[in-house]
Amino acid sequence: MIDLNVIGIEGWLTNHLITHMGPLVTTIIAISYRIGFVTVAMLAIPHLPGIRACFLPRQYLFRRLQRR
C-alpha cells in the first residue's frame, strides 16, 4: 500500500514501459516489481527501528519491556 499510495513508482514504470515493450511484458514487469517491493519491505521492516515500531508494535513492544 505504501508504494501504491505514496511512492508511485509502479504507475510511472507502467506508463514508461508500455510504449516500448507492449502490454504483456509491461504487466509482467509491474507484477514482478510489486512482488519484489513487498518482499524487500517485509525483510527490512524488522531491522529498521522507527518503521518497526509502526508496523510491529505488539511484537517489539514486549521485547523492549522485558529487557528492563
N, C-alpha and C. Protein backbone atom coordinates (compact mmCIF):
# COMPACT_ATOMS: atom_id res chain seq x y z
N MET A 1 0.82 -1.19 0.00
CA MET A 1 0.00 0.00 0.00
C MET A 1 0.87 1.26 0.00
N ILE A 2 2.02 1.19 0.64
CA ILE A 2 2.88 2.37 0.68
C ILE A 2 3.31 2.75 -0.73
N ASP A 3 3.74 1.77 -1.51
CA ASP A 3 4.19 2.08 -2.86
C ASP A 3 3.03 2.56 -3.73
N LEU A 4 1.87 1.94 -3.60
CA LEU A 4 0.75 2.33 -4.44
C LEU A 4 0.24 3.73 -4.11
N ASN A 5 0.25 4.11 -2.85
CA ASN A 5 -0.33 5.39 -2.44
C ASN A 5 0.68 6.52 -2.28
N VAL A 6 1.89 6.21 -1.86
CA VAL A 6 2.85 7.27 -1.53
C VAL A 6 3.94 7.40 -2.58
N ILE A 7 4.61 6.33 -2.87
CA ILE A 7 5.78 6.40 -3.75
C ILE A 7 5.36 6.47 -5.22
N GLY A 8 4.55 5.55 -5.68
CA GLY A 8 4.00 5.60 -7.04
C GLY A 8 4.95 5.26 -8.16
N ILE A 9 5.96 4.47 -7.90
CA ILE A 9 6.90 4.11 -8.96
C ILE A 9 6.25 3.18 -9.97
N GLU A 10 5.36 2.32 -9.52
CA GLU A 10 4.75 1.33 -10.41
C GLU A 10 3.95 2.01 -11.52
N GLY A 11 3.22 3.06 -11.22
CA GLY A 11 2.47 3.78 -12.25
C GLY A 11 3.38 4.43 -13.27
N TRP A 12 4.44 5.04 -12.80
CA TRP A 12 5.41 5.66 -13.70
C TRP A 12 6.09 4.59 -14.57
N LEU A 13 6.45 3.48 -13.94
CA LEU A 13 7.10 2.39 -14.66
C LEU A 13 6.19 1.82 -15.74
N THR A 14 4.94 1.61 -15.41
CA THR A 14 3.98 1.08 -16.38
C THR A 14 3.80 2.04 -17.55
N ASN A 15 3.60 3.31 -17.26
CA ASN A 15 3.41 4.30 -18.33
C ASN A 15 4.65 4.42 -19.23
N HIS A 16 5.81 4.30 -18.65
CA HIS A 16 7.05 4.42 -19.43
C HIS A 16 7.30 3.19 -20.29
N LEU A 17 7.04 2.00 -19.74
CA LEU A 17 7.38 0.77 -20.46
C LEU A 17 6.34 0.32 -21.47
N ILE A 18 5.09 0.70 -21.31
CA ILE A 18 4.04 0.18 -22.19
C ILE A 18 4.26 0.59 -23.65
N THR A 19 4.85 1.75 -23.87
CA THR A 19 5.09 2.19 -25.24
C THR A 19 6.27 1.45 -25.87
N HIS A 20 7.20 0.97 -25.05
CA HIS A 20 8.40 0.31 -25.57
C HIS A 20 8.28 -1.20 -25.66
N MET A 21 7.53 -1.82 -24.74
CA MET A 21 7.55 -3.28 -24.65
C MET A 21 6.20 -3.94 -24.87
N GLY A 22 5.14 -3.20 -24.88
CA GLY A 22 3.82 -3.80 -25.05
C GLY A 22 3.17 -4.14 -23.72
N PRO A 23 1.87 -4.41 -23.76
CA PRO A 23 1.14 -4.59 -22.50
C PRO A 23 1.48 -5.87 -21.74
N LEU A 24 1.77 -6.97 -22.42
CA LEU A 24 2.05 -8.22 -21.72
C LEU A 24 3.35 -8.14 -20.92
N VAL A 25 4.41 -7.71 -21.56
CA VAL A 25 5.71 -7.61 -20.89
C VAL A 25 5.65 -6.55 -19.79
N THR A 26 4.96 -5.46 -20.04
CA THR A 26 4.82 -4.41 -19.04
C THR A 26 4.07 -4.92 -17.81
N THR A 27 3.04 -5.70 -18.01
CA THR A 27 2.30 -6.27 -16.89
C THR A 27 3.16 -7.23 -16.09
N ILE A 28 3.93 -8.05 -16.76
CA ILE A 28 4.82 -8.99 -16.06
C ILE A 28 5.86 -8.23 -15.24
N ILE A 29 6.42 -7.18 -15.81
CA ILE A 29 7.41 -6.37 -15.08
C ILE A 29 6.76 -5.66 -13.90
N ALA A 30 5.55 -5.14 -14.07
CA ALA A 30 4.86 -4.45 -12.99
C ALA A 30 4.54 -5.39 -11.83
N ILE A 31 4.07 -6.59 -12.16
CA ILE A 31 3.78 -7.57 -11.11
C ILE A 31 5.06 -8.00 -10.40
N SER A 32 6.13 -8.20 -11.15
CA SER A 32 7.41 -8.56 -10.54
C SER A 32 7.92 -7.45 -9.63
N TYR A 33 7.75 -6.20 -10.06
CA TYR A 33 8.16 -5.07 -9.23
C TYR A 33 7.38 -5.05 -7.92
N ARG A 34 6.06 -5.25 -7.99
CA ARG A 34 5.24 -5.23 -6.78
C ARG A 34 5.64 -6.34 -5.83
N ILE A 35 5.86 -7.54 -6.35
CA ILE A 35 6.27 -8.66 -5.50
C ILE A 35 7.63 -8.39 -4.89
N GLY A 36 8.55 -7.87 -5.68
CA GLY A 36 9.89 -7.55 -5.17
C GLY A 36 9.86 -6.45 -4.12
N PHE A 37 9.06 -5.42 -4.33
CA PHE A 37 8.98 -4.32 -3.37
C PHE A 37 8.44 -4.80 -2.04
N VAL A 38 7.39 -5.61 -2.09
CA VAL A 38 6.79 -6.13 -0.86
C VAL A 38 7.77 -7.07 -0.14
N THR A 39 8.49 -7.89 -0.89
CA THR A 39 9.45 -8.80 -0.28
C THR A 39 10.57 -8.06 0.42
N VAL A 40 11.11 -7.05 -0.24
CA VAL A 40 12.19 -6.25 0.37
C VAL A 40 11.67 -5.52 1.61
N ALA A 41 10.48 -4.95 1.52
CA ALA A 41 9.91 -4.25 2.68
C ALA A 41 9.66 -5.21 3.83
N MET A 42 9.16 -6.39 3.53
CA MET A 42 8.88 -7.38 4.56
C MET A 42 10.16 -7.82 5.28
N LEU A 43 11.24 -7.93 4.54
CA LEU A 43 12.51 -8.33 5.14
C LEU A 43 13.19 -7.18 5.87
N ALA A 44 12.94 -5.94 5.45
CA ALA A 44 13.63 -4.79 6.03
C ALA A 44 12.93 -4.24 7.28
N ILE A 45 11.63 -4.33 7.37
CA ILE A 45 10.89 -3.70 8.47
C ILE A 45 11.37 -4.15 9.84
N PRO A 46 11.60 -5.43 10.10
CA PRO A 46 12.07 -5.81 11.44
C PRO A 46 13.43 -5.23 11.83
N HIS A 47 14.19 -4.74 10.87
CA HIS A 47 15.53 -4.23 11.15
C HIS A 47 15.61 -2.70 11.21
N LEU A 48 14.54 -2.00 10.93
CA LEU A 48 14.51 -0.54 10.95
C LEU A 48 13.67 -0.08 12.14
N PRO A 49 14.30 0.43 13.20
CA PRO A 49 13.59 0.70 14.45
C PRO A 49 12.38 1.64 14.33
N GLY A 50 12.49 2.72 13.61
CA GLY A 50 11.37 3.65 13.50
C GLY A 50 10.17 3.07 12.78
N ILE A 51 10.44 2.39 11.69
CA ILE A 51 9.37 1.77 10.92
C ILE A 51 8.84 0.53 11.64
N ARG A 52 9.72 -0.19 12.30
CA ARG A 52 9.33 -1.39 13.05
C ARG A 52 8.31 -1.05 14.13
N ALA A 53 8.50 0.06 14.80
CA ALA A 53 7.57 0.46 15.86
C ALA A 53 6.18 0.76 15.30
N CYS A 54 6.09 1.20 14.06
CA CYS A 54 4.78 1.49 13.46
C CYS A 54 4.07 0.21 12.99
N PHE A 55 4.80 -0.68 12.37
CA PHE A 55 4.18 -1.85 11.76
C PHE A 55 4.09 -3.05 12.68
N LEU A 56 4.98 -3.17 13.66
CA LEU A 56 5.01 -4.33 14.54
C LEU A 56 5.02 -3.91 16.01
N PRO A 57 4.06 -3.11 16.48
CA PRO A 57 4.15 -2.58 17.84
C PRO A 57 4.02 -3.65 18.92
N ARG A 58 3.17 -4.62 18.75
CA ARG A 58 2.99 -5.64 19.77
C ARG A 58 4.21 -6.53 19.91
N GLN A 59 4.73 -6.97 18.80
CA GLN A 59 5.85 -7.90 18.82
C GLN A 59 7.09 -7.28 19.45
N TYR A 60 7.41 -6.06 19.13
CA TYR A 60 8.65 -5.46 19.62
C TYR A 60 8.44 -4.61 20.86
N LEU A 61 7.23 -4.24 21.18
CA LEU A 61 6.96 -3.51 22.42
C LEU A 61 7.25 -4.41 23.62
N PHE A 62 6.81 -5.66 23.57
CA PHE A 62 7.03 -6.57 24.68
C PHE A 62 8.49 -6.94 24.83
N ARG A 63 9.22 -7.04 23.77
CA ARG A 63 10.66 -7.30 23.88
C ARG A 63 11.36 -6.17 24.61
N ARG A 64 10.97 -4.94 24.31
CA ARG A 64 11.60 -3.79 24.96
C ARG A 64 11.28 -3.76 26.45
N LEU A 65 10.05 -4.09 26.82
CA LEU A 65 9.66 -4.09 28.23
C LEU A 65 10.30 -5.22 29.00
N GLN A 66 10.58 -6.34 28.37
CA GLN A 66 11.20 -7.46 29.06
C GLN A 66 12.65 -7.20 29.38
N ARG A 67 13.32 -6.38 28.64
CA ARG A 67 14.74 -6.10 28.87
C ARG A 67 14.95 -5.25 30.12
N ARG A 68 13.97 -4.49 30.50
CA ARG A 68 14.13 -3.57 31.64
C ARG A 68 14.03 -4.26 32.94
